[in-house]
Protein backbone atom coordinates (compact mmCIF):
# COMPACT_ATOMS: atom_id res chain seq x y z
CA MET A 1 13.13 -26.37 -32.70
CA ASP A 2 11.48 -27.92 -35.85
CA VAL A 3 8.43 -28.59 -33.56
CA LEU A 4 7.86 -25.51 -32.48
CA PHE A 5 8.20 -23.81 -36.04
CA ASP A 6 5.72 -26.82 -37.25
CA ARG A 7 3.37 -25.99 -34.20
CA GLN A 8 3.43 -22.21 -35.11
CA ASP A 9 2.52 -23.20 -38.53
CA ILE A 10 -0.73 -24.98 -37.53
CA MET A 11 -1.60 -22.38 -35.23
CA LEU A 12 -0.85 -19.40 -37.73
CA ARG A 13 -3.27 -21.20 -40.40
CA THR A 14 -5.93 -21.53 -37.83
CA THR A 15 -5.75 -17.77 -36.86
CA SER A 16 -8.54 -15.67 -38.26
CA MET A 17 -7.79 -12.50 -39.53
CA ASP A 18 -11.13 -11.43 -40.12
CA ILE A 19 -10.92 -8.92 -37.43
CA VAL A 20 -7.98 -7.63 -35.91
CA ARG A 21 -7.91 -5.37 -32.76
CA THR A 22 -7.12 -1.55 -33.31
CA PHE A 23 -5.27 -2.21 -29.72
CA THR A 24 -2.37 -3.85 -31.89
CA ASN A 25 -1.82 -0.03 -33.05
CA SER A 26 -0.98 1.10 -30.19
CA ILE A 27 1.61 -1.17 -29.52
CA ASN A 28 5.27 0.15 -30.50
CA TRP A 29 6.17 -3.11 -32.10
CA SER A 30 9.66 -2.01 -33.09
CA ALA A 31 10.88 -2.15 -29.74
CA GLN A 32 13.48 -4.35 -28.53
CA MET A 33 11.60 -5.55 -25.97
CA LEU A 34 7.73 -5.28 -24.82
CA CYS A 35 5.36 -7.27 -22.90
CA ILE A 36 1.53 -7.34 -23.14
CA ARG A 37 -0.27 -7.88 -19.98
CA GLY A 38 -4.21 -8.45 -19.63
CA ALA A 39 -6.92 -10.74 -17.68
CA ARG A 40 -7.62 -14.16 -19.20
CA GLY A 41 -9.22 -14.10 -22.38
CA VAL A 42 -8.91 -10.42 -23.48
CA GLY A 43 -7.30 -12.02 -26.70
CA LYS A 44 -3.62 -11.43 -25.98
CA SER A 45 -2.57 -14.94 -27.92
CA THR A 46 -4.71 -14.10 -30.82
CA LEU A 47 -3.39 -10.55 -31.17
CA LEU A 48 -0.17 -11.92 -30.85
CA ARG A 49 -0.53 -14.73 -33.61
CA GLN A 50 -1.99 -12.30 -35.84
CA TYR A 51 0.81 -9.82 -35.84
CA ILE A 52 3.04 -12.42 -36.91
CA LYS A 53 0.82 -13.66 -39.72
CA GLN A 54 0.18 -9.93 -40.96
CA ASN A 55 3.85 -9.14 -40.73
CA PHE A 56 6.12 -12.21 -41.18
CA GLU A 57 3.89 -14.19 -43.56
CA ASN A 58 6.66 -14.70 -46.34
CA LYS A 59 9.38 -15.19 -43.71
CA SER A 60 8.13 -17.37 -41.46
CA ASP A 61 11.71 -18.67 -40.33
CA LYS A 62 12.31 -14.88 -38.95
CA ALA A 63 9.58 -14.97 -36.24
CA LEU A 64 8.86 -17.80 -33.71
CA TYR A 65 5.39 -17.66 -31.45
CA CYS A 66 6.09 -19.92 -28.52
CA SER A 67 3.33 -20.53 -25.59
CA LEU A 68 5.44 -21.36 -22.36
CA ASP A 69 2.63 -23.55 -21.09
CA TRP A 70 3.61 -26.23 -23.89
CA GLY A 71 5.10 -28.95 -22.72
CA TYR A 72 7.99 -28.63 -24.93
CA PHE A 73 9.44 -26.06 -22.07
CA SER A 74 9.63 -28.82 -19.20
CA GLN A 75 12.49 -30.29 -20.99
CA HIS A 76 14.07 -27.33 -22.70
CA SER A 77 14.59 -23.51 -21.57
CA ILE A 78 13.58 -20.42 -23.12
CA LEU A 79 17.73 -19.61 -23.12
CA GLU A 80 18.30 -22.49 -25.36
CA VAL A 81 15.50 -21.72 -28.00
CA ALA A 82 16.48 -18.45 -28.12
CA ASP A 83 20.08 -19.27 -28.73
CA LYS A 84 19.15 -21.59 -31.76
CA PHE A 85 16.73 -18.98 -33.12
CA TYR A 86 19.14 -16.28 -33.07
CA LYS A 87 21.90 -18.25 -34.43
CA THR A 88 19.86 -19.50 -37.75
CA GLY A 89 18.71 -15.77 -38.37
CA GLY A 90 15.76 -15.36 -36.09
CA GLU A 91 14.32 -11.94 -35.66
CA LEU A 92 11.42 -12.12 -33.18
CA LEU A 93 10.64 -14.31 -30.57
CA VAL A 94 7.24 -14.12 -29.22
CA LEU A 95 6.72 -15.82 -25.69
CA ASP A 96 3.26 -16.15 -24.74
CA GLU A 97 1.79 -16.93 -21.10
CA VAL A 98 5.43 -16.04 -19.50
CA HIS A 99 3.77 -16.10 -16.19
CA LYS A 100 3.64 -20.14 -16.46
CA TYR A 101 7.50 -20.24 -16.82
CA ASP A 102 9.99 -20.61 -13.66
CA ASN A 103 12.43 -18.01 -13.78
CA TRP A 104 11.08 -16.14 -16.74
CA SER A 105 12.33 -12.86 -16.04
CA ARG A 106 16.18 -13.70 -15.35
CA GLU A 107 16.32 -15.95 -18.64
CA ILE A 108 14.75 -12.93 -20.51
CA LYS A 109 16.99 -10.78 -19.13
CA GLU A 110 20.06 -12.71 -20.15
CA ILE A 111 18.54 -12.86 -23.51
CA SER A 112 18.51 -9.45 -24.02
CA GLU A 113 21.94 -8.98 -23.04
CA THR A 114 23.40 -11.87 -24.86
CA TYR A 115 21.39 -11.34 -27.96
CA PRO A 116 20.86 -7.58 -28.53
CA THR A 117 19.40 -7.47 -31.69
CA LEU A 118 16.89 -10.07 -31.27
CA LYS A 119 13.44 -8.50 -30.39
CA VAL A 120 11.17 -10.14 -27.54
CA VAL A 121 7.61 -9.80 -27.24
CA MET A 122 5.83 -11.52 -24.17
CA SER A 123 2.66 -11.91 -22.84
CA GLY A 124 1.23 -12.61 -19.10
CA SER A 125 -1.10 -12.28 -16.76
CA SER A 126 -2.30 -8.82 -15.19
CA LEU A 127 -0.42 -9.71 -12.11
CA LEU A 128 2.69 -10.01 -14.25
CA LYS A 129 5.47 -8.16 -12.30
CA LEU A 130 8.53 -6.66 -14.51
CA LEU A 131 10.42 -5.75 -11.45
CA ALA A 132 11.51 -8.88 -10.04
CA GLY A 133 14.75 -8.79 -7.69
CA ASP A 134 17.73 -9.18 -9.88
CA ALA A 135 15.93 -9.36 -12.85
CA ASP A 136 14.63 -6.00 -13.26
CA LEU A 137 12.69 -5.91 -17.19
CA SER A 138 10.88 -2.64 -16.05
CA ARG A 139 13.51 0.06 -17.82
CA ARG A 140 14.14 -1.78 -20.65
CA CYS A 141 10.73 -3.59 -21.61
CA ARG A 142 7.90 -1.15 -22.81
CA ASN A 143 4.57 -2.27 -21.16
CA TYR A 144 0.90 -2.50 -22.58
CA ASN A 145 -2.39 -3.45 -20.61
CA MET A 146 -4.64 -5.03 -22.73
CA PRO A 147 -8.34 -4.58 -21.98
CA GLY A 148 -11.42 -6.46 -23.19
CA LEU A 149 -13.54 -5.43 -25.88
CA SER A 150 -15.14 -1.90 -25.86
CA PHE A 151 -18.43 -1.62 -27.00
CA ARG A 152 -17.29 -0.04 -29.92
CA GLU A 153 -15.17 -3.25 -30.83
CA TYR A 154 -18.33 -5.37 -29.82
CA LEU A 155 -20.16 -4.00 -32.81
CA GLN A 156 -17.36 -4.81 -34.78
CA PHE A 157 -16.79 -8.43 -33.49
CA TYR A 158 -20.43 -9.54 -32.66
CA LYS A 159 -22.12 -7.27 -35.44
CA GLY A 160 -20.23 -6.47 -38.30
CA ILE A 161 -20.69 -2.87 -37.90
CA THR A 162 -17.26 -1.03 -37.98
CA LEU A 163 -16.99 2.36 -36.72
CA ARG A 164 -14.04 4.49 -35.23
CA TRP A 165 -13.19 5.56 -32.10
CA TYR A 166 -13.10 9.04 -30.34
CA THR A 167 -11.27 10.71 -27.61
CA LEU A 168 -13.04 11.74 -24.43
CA GLU A 169 -12.65 15.42 -25.14
CA GLU A 170 -14.08 14.56 -29.07
CA ILE A 171 -17.16 13.25 -27.09
CA LEU A 172 -17.42 15.56 -24.50
CA THR A 173 -17.27 18.68 -26.97
CA ASN A 174 -18.98 17.21 -29.81
CA SER A 175 -21.25 14.82 -28.73
CA THR A 176 -24.06 15.42 -31.33
CA THR A 177 -22.11 15.14 -34.33
CA ILE A 178 -20.54 12.28 -32.97
CA ALA A 179 -23.64 10.80 -31.95
CA ARG A 180 -25.60 11.43 -35.41
CA GLU A 181 -22.40 9.71 -37.29
CA ILE A 182 -22.69 6.59 -35.29
CA ASN A 183 -26.57 6.56 -35.47
CA SER A 184 -26.57 6.67 -38.91
CA GLN A 185 -24.88 3.44 -39.38
CA CYS A 186 -26.41 1.82 -36.14
CA ARG A 187 -28.78 1.89 -33.58
CA PRO A 188 -26.65 1.90 -30.60
CA LEU A 189 -29.20 1.17 -27.74
CA GLU A 190 -30.38 -1.92 -29.75
CA HIS A 191 -27.05 -3.81 -28.83
CA PHE A 192 -26.05 -1.84 -25.77
CA HIS A 193 -27.98 -3.85 -22.98
CA ASN A 194 -26.65 -7.00 -24.62
CA TYR A 195 -22.97 -5.82 -24.42
CA LEU A 196 -23.26 -5.46 -20.80
CA GLN A 197 -24.23 -9.12 -20.19
CA TYR A 198 -21.84 -10.68 -23.09
CA GLY A 199 -19.29 -8.96 -25.33
CA TYR A 200 -16.56 -7.79 -22.96
CA TYR A 201 -14.53 -11.11 -23.67
CA PRO A 202 -14.25 -12.01 -27.30
CA PHE A 203 -14.85 -15.49 -26.92
CA TYR A 204 -18.60 -15.38 -26.61
CA LEU A 205 -19.41 -16.21 -30.53
CA SER A 206 -17.24 -19.64 -30.30
CA ASN A 207 -19.22 -20.86 -27.33
CA PRO A 208 -22.36 -18.79 -26.18
CA ILE A 209 -23.59 -21.66 -24.06
CA ASP A 210 -20.83 -21.91 -21.99
CA TYR A 211 -19.67 -18.02 -21.56
CA TYR A 212 -20.64 -17.47 -18.13
CA PRO A 213 -19.26 -20.82 -16.99
CA LEU A 214 -16.20 -19.70 -18.91
CA ILE A 215 -15.90 -16.59 -17.15
CA GLU A 216 -16.63 -18.49 -13.64
CA GLN A 217 -13.63 -20.59 -14.76
CA THR A 218 -11.10 -17.61 -15.54
CA LYS A 219 -11.86 -16.06 -12.08
CA ASN A 220 -11.22 -19.69 -10.12
CA TYR A 221 -8.05 -20.04 -12.39
CA VAL A 222 -6.87 -16.51 -11.09
CA ILE A 223 -7.47 -17.43 -7.51
CA ASP A 224 -6.68 -20.87 -7.44
CA VAL A 225 -3.29 -20.53 -9.47
CA GLU A 226 -2.07 -16.93 -10.40
CA LEU A 227 -2.58 -15.46 -6.89
CA PRO A 228 -0.55 -18.44 -5.17
CA GLN A 229 2.11 -17.83 -7.86
CA GLN A 230 2.18 -14.29 -8.85
CA ARG A 231 1.45 -13.01 -4.96
CA ASN A 232 2.45 -15.88 -2.81
CA VAL A 233 -1.04 -16.25 -1.57
CA ASN A 234 -1.45 -19.08 0.81
CA PRO A 235 -3.70 -22.05 -1.24
CA SER A 236 -5.73 -22.25 2.11
CA ASN A 237 -6.94 -18.96 1.87
CA CYS A 238 -8.22 -19.32 -1.85
CA ARG A 239 -11.75 -20.30 -0.59
CA LYS A 240 -12.17 -17.51 1.08
CA ILE A 241 -10.95 -14.76 -1.58
CA LYS A 242 -13.67 -16.63 -3.72
CA ALA A 243 -15.71 -15.89 -0.69
CA LEU A 244 -14.75 -12.28 -0.76
CA ILE A 245 -15.39 -11.74 -4.42
CA ASN A 246 -19.15 -13.54 -3.94
CA VAL A 247 -19.83 -10.76 -1.78
CA LEU A 248 -18.63 -8.13 -3.59
CA ALA A 249 -20.52 -9.67 -6.57
CA GLN A 250 -23.86 -9.46 -4.63
CA ASN A 251 -23.40 -6.03 -3.39
CA VAL A 252 -21.65 -4.16 -5.84
CA PRO A 253 -21.17 -1.07 -5.86
CA PHE A 254 -19.90 -1.53 -2.53
CA ASP A 255 -19.34 1.14 -0.09
CA VAL A 256 -16.61 -0.40 1.65
CA ASP A 257 -16.96 -1.77 5.09
CA ILE A 258 -13.76 -3.68 5.69
CA SER A 259 -14.43 -4.86 9.10
CA LYS A 260 -17.91 -6.56 7.73
CA LEU A 261 -15.91 -8.29 4.85
CA ALA A 262 -13.25 -9.27 7.14
CA GLN A 263 -16.21 -11.13 9.49
CA SER A 264 -17.95 -12.23 6.69
CA THR A 265 -14.53 -14.24 4.92
CA SER A 266 -13.19 -14.94 8.17
CA LEU A 267 -9.96 -12.56 7.32
CA GLN A 268 -7.95 -10.18 9.27
CA ARG A 269 -8.76 -6.61 8.51
CA ASN A 270 -5.15 -5.97 6.79
CA THR A 271 -5.49 -9.13 4.87
CA VAL A 272 -8.70 -8.14 3.23
CA LEU A 273 -7.23 -5.15 1.90
CA GLU A 274 -4.26 -7.15 0.69
CA TYR A 275 -6.40 -9.03 -1.25
CA LEU A 276 -8.49 -6.57 -2.56
CA ASN A 277 -5.37 -5.05 -4.03
CA TYR A 278 -4.43 -8.23 -5.71
CA LEU A 279 -8.09 -8.76 -7.42
CA ASN A 280 -7.82 -5.35 -8.45
CA ASP A 281 -4.29 -6.08 -10.01
CA ALA A 282 -5.87 -9.33 -11.38
CA LYS A 283 -8.43 -7.30 -13.18
CA LEU A 284 -11.39 -9.00 -11.33
CA ILE A 285 -12.25 -5.71 -9.51
CA ASN A 286 -11.81 -2.00 -9.68
CA LEU A 287 -11.02 -0.48 -6.61
CA LEU A 288 -12.10 3.41 -6.58
CA PHE A 289 -10.57 6.18 -3.89
CA SER A 290 -11.70 9.49 -3.88
CA ASP A 291 -8.10 11.22 -3.81
CA LEU A 292 -5.30 8.90 -5.66
CA VAL A 293 -2.53 11.57 -4.96
CA SER A 294 -2.91 10.82 -1.32
CA VAL A 295 -3.57 6.74 -1.41
CA LYS A 296 -1.16 5.16 0.59
CA LYS A 297 -0.19 1.25 0.98
CA MET A 298 -3.17 -0.38 2.63
CA GLN A 299 -5.75 2.17 2.47
CA LYS A 300 -9.18 1.42 2.23
CA PRO A 301 -11.03 2.20 -0.93
CA ASP A 302 -13.84 4.58 -1.49
CA LYS A 303 -15.81 2.17 -3.36
CA ILE A 304 -15.45 -1.57 -5.10
CA LEU A 305 -17.00 -2.44 -8.24
CA LEU A 306 -16.54 -5.71 -10.53
CA GLU A 307 -13.90 -5.29 -13.19
CA ASN A 308 -16.58 -5.16 -16.15
CA PRO A 309 -20.30 -5.90 -16.46
CA ASN A 310 -19.98 -9.52 -17.92
CA LEU A 311 -18.48 -10.68 -15.02
CA LEU A 312 -21.02 -8.83 -13.05
CA TYR A 313 -23.84 -10.97 -14.67
CA ALA A 314 -21.57 -14.05 -14.58
CA LEU A 315 -21.19 -14.10 -10.78
CA ALA A 316 -24.42 -12.59 -9.53
CA THR A 317 -26.90 -14.95 -7.69
CA SER A 318 -29.52 -12.63 -7.91
CA PRO A 319 -30.97 -10.25 -10.73
CA VAL A 320 -28.24 -7.53 -11.60
CA LYS A 321 -29.22 -3.96 -10.96
CA ILE A 322 -29.21 -1.82 -13.95
CA GLY A 323 -27.79 0.92 -12.16
CA THR A 324 -24.70 -1.21 -10.94
CA ALA A 325 -24.10 -2.29 -14.43
CA ARG A 326 -24.12 1.03 -15.89
CA GLU A 327 -21.61 1.99 -13.44
CA CYS A 328 -19.50 -0.71 -13.75
CA PHE A 329 -19.65 -0.23 -17.65
CA ALA A 330 -18.39 3.26 -17.10
CA VAL A 331 -15.73 2.78 -14.88
CA ASN A 332 -14.51 -0.15 -16.88
CA GLN A 333 -14.24 1.94 -20.18
CA LEU A 334 -13.03 5.27 -19.02
CA SER A 335 -10.34 3.65 -16.74
CA VAL A 336 -8.40 2.06 -19.99
CA ASN A 337 -7.01 5.35 -20.92
CA HIS A 338 -8.08 7.64 -17.97
CA THR A 339 -7.77 8.25 -14.23
CA VAL A 340 -10.89 7.51 -12.66
CA GLU A 341 -11.79 8.48 -8.86
CA TYR A 342 -14.59 8.04 -6.55
CA GLY A 343 -16.73 11.64 -6.94
CA LYS A 344 -17.96 11.24 -2.89
CA GLN A 345 -20.86 13.91 -3.17
CA GLU A 346 -19.84 15.55 -6.21
CA GLY A 347 -21.08 13.20 -8.68
CA ASP A 348 -20.43 9.45 -9.11
CA LEU A 349 -16.87 9.67 -10.98
CA LYS A 350 -13.78 12.18 -10.99
CA VAL A 351 -11.86 11.59 -14.38
CA ASP A 352 -8.32 12.71 -14.70
CA GLY A 353 -9.03 15.32 -11.76
CA LYS A 354 -11.20 17.34 -14.23
CA TYR A 355 -14.26 15.92 -15.22
CA THR A 356 -17.42 15.00 -13.29
CA PHE A 357 -19.82 12.63 -14.12
CA GLU A 358 -23.12 11.41 -12.65
CA ILE A 359 -24.54 8.05 -13.97
CA GLY A 360 -28.08 7.21 -14.36
CA GLY A 361 -31.17 6.49 -16.85
CA ASN A 362 -32.99 8.79 -18.88
CA GLY A 363 -34.74 10.79 -16.12
CA LYS A 364 -31.03 11.37 -14.22
CA THR A 365 -31.23 15.42 -13.31
CA PHE A 366 -28.19 17.54 -12.68
CA LYS A 367 -29.03 18.12 -9.13
CA GLN A 368 -26.29 16.55 -7.52
CA ILE A 369 -23.87 18.23 -9.86
CA ALA A 370 -25.49 21.51 -10.13
CA GLY A 371 -23.02 24.37 -10.39
CA ILE A 372 -19.87 21.96 -10.54
CA SER A 373 -17.76 22.81 -13.66
CA ASP A 374 -16.89 20.24 -16.28
CA SER A 375 -19.84 18.24 -15.07
CA TYR A 376 -21.72 15.54 -17.20
CA ILE A 377 -24.66 13.00 -16.84
CA LEU A 378 -23.86 9.87 -18.83
CA ALA A 379 -27.26 8.87 -19.29
CA ASP A 380 -28.66 5.27 -20.40
CA ASP A 381 -31.53 5.00 -22.55
CA ILE A 382 -30.85 7.85 -24.79
CA GLU A 383 -30.02 8.13 -28.26
CA ASN A 384 -28.75 11.49 -28.77
CA PRO A 385 -27.17 14.17 -26.32
CA ARG A 386 -29.15 16.87 -24.36
CA GLY A 387 -26.72 19.61 -23.42
CA ASN A 388 -24.38 17.99 -21.10
CA LYS A 389 -26.24 15.00 -20.62
CA ILE A 390 -24.59 12.25 -22.94
CA PRO A 391 -25.48 8.85 -23.95
CA LEU A 392 -23.90 6.23 -21.63
CA TRP A 393 -23.12 4.00 -24.60
CA MET A 394 -20.65 6.49 -26.11
CA VAL A 395 -18.03 5.96 -23.62
CA GLY A 396 -17.69 2.64 -25.14
CA PHE A 397 -16.30 4.40 -28.11
CA LEU A 398 -13.12 5.51 -26.34
CA TYR A 399 -10.70 2.58 -27.88
């Protein structure tokens, strides 16, 4: 146990508190058990250590941070750690990277039943399943999905510009006032296209030269390691899945032809659909459907986008089309707290079953959404709204 506390002390000392993401305020830290899931690289581990540093600075022995990929856990179980920690007065056990520990769900269920006053916080892959056979944690565990940096957070992290976030309803009904407030403190268009290329993952500043290679490594790790572990994908098919995502990276937004995808990757049609759903769960792509209410298992999506524009720029082997980057950005930011559907003939996107959005540049007209109620254009290259034409960058202030 002492070695775990020693390692925690070292990690907390090197954890910066200069910027703490507002996502931490959305978490009910008083819950008996909670789980934070998210794509690799979005900052889950940093968030957990920051919470301990903020709230247990004067009682560091009451909280214990452990990453379950540490070598310590090759010889010790988390049950053993929880038992010793609880008996010495421990209050909060933080278990990072739980998906890297065999039988994690069964042991955590036993911990919650044996030590009901011990709070347990977990973090893991976007692919993590809380419902796993006889160790169903879905009912007793609060679940949170952590996204990468919003455009607003990028301005805070990388440019030192601190601004508040707004609800979608506030932006749609009060866009002129909000734009005026933001423009009085910075020139968002000056930074927006840089954000599309780098800024979604919070590790750019520490290693800008290797930013895209690190994104590539993240993609490979998800496909080579997490999909076989978390979704029982045959490792021999990992190369084909990489081929699949490479095809998508060159062709998004992809008007889906499953037969063509199957042919280009030498996979069966149903296997392609299955793998697309896995890549969606892993936060590597976004699948869009025109009617989420009637979506059935293994149904063909209507459109496919990469999960965020940084992925698009990192994986594309030809120049990225700005229209693709815009649409990728809009879906990525809107889908954090809203339901996003493919608009088909009535706009590019339908949000929360109510709002219709067309996405484009400064010259985009209302022709395609004329006569549709609650319809808006999200326009790039404008600083201020013009009626229902709203700056695209403003949806980057939703969280």
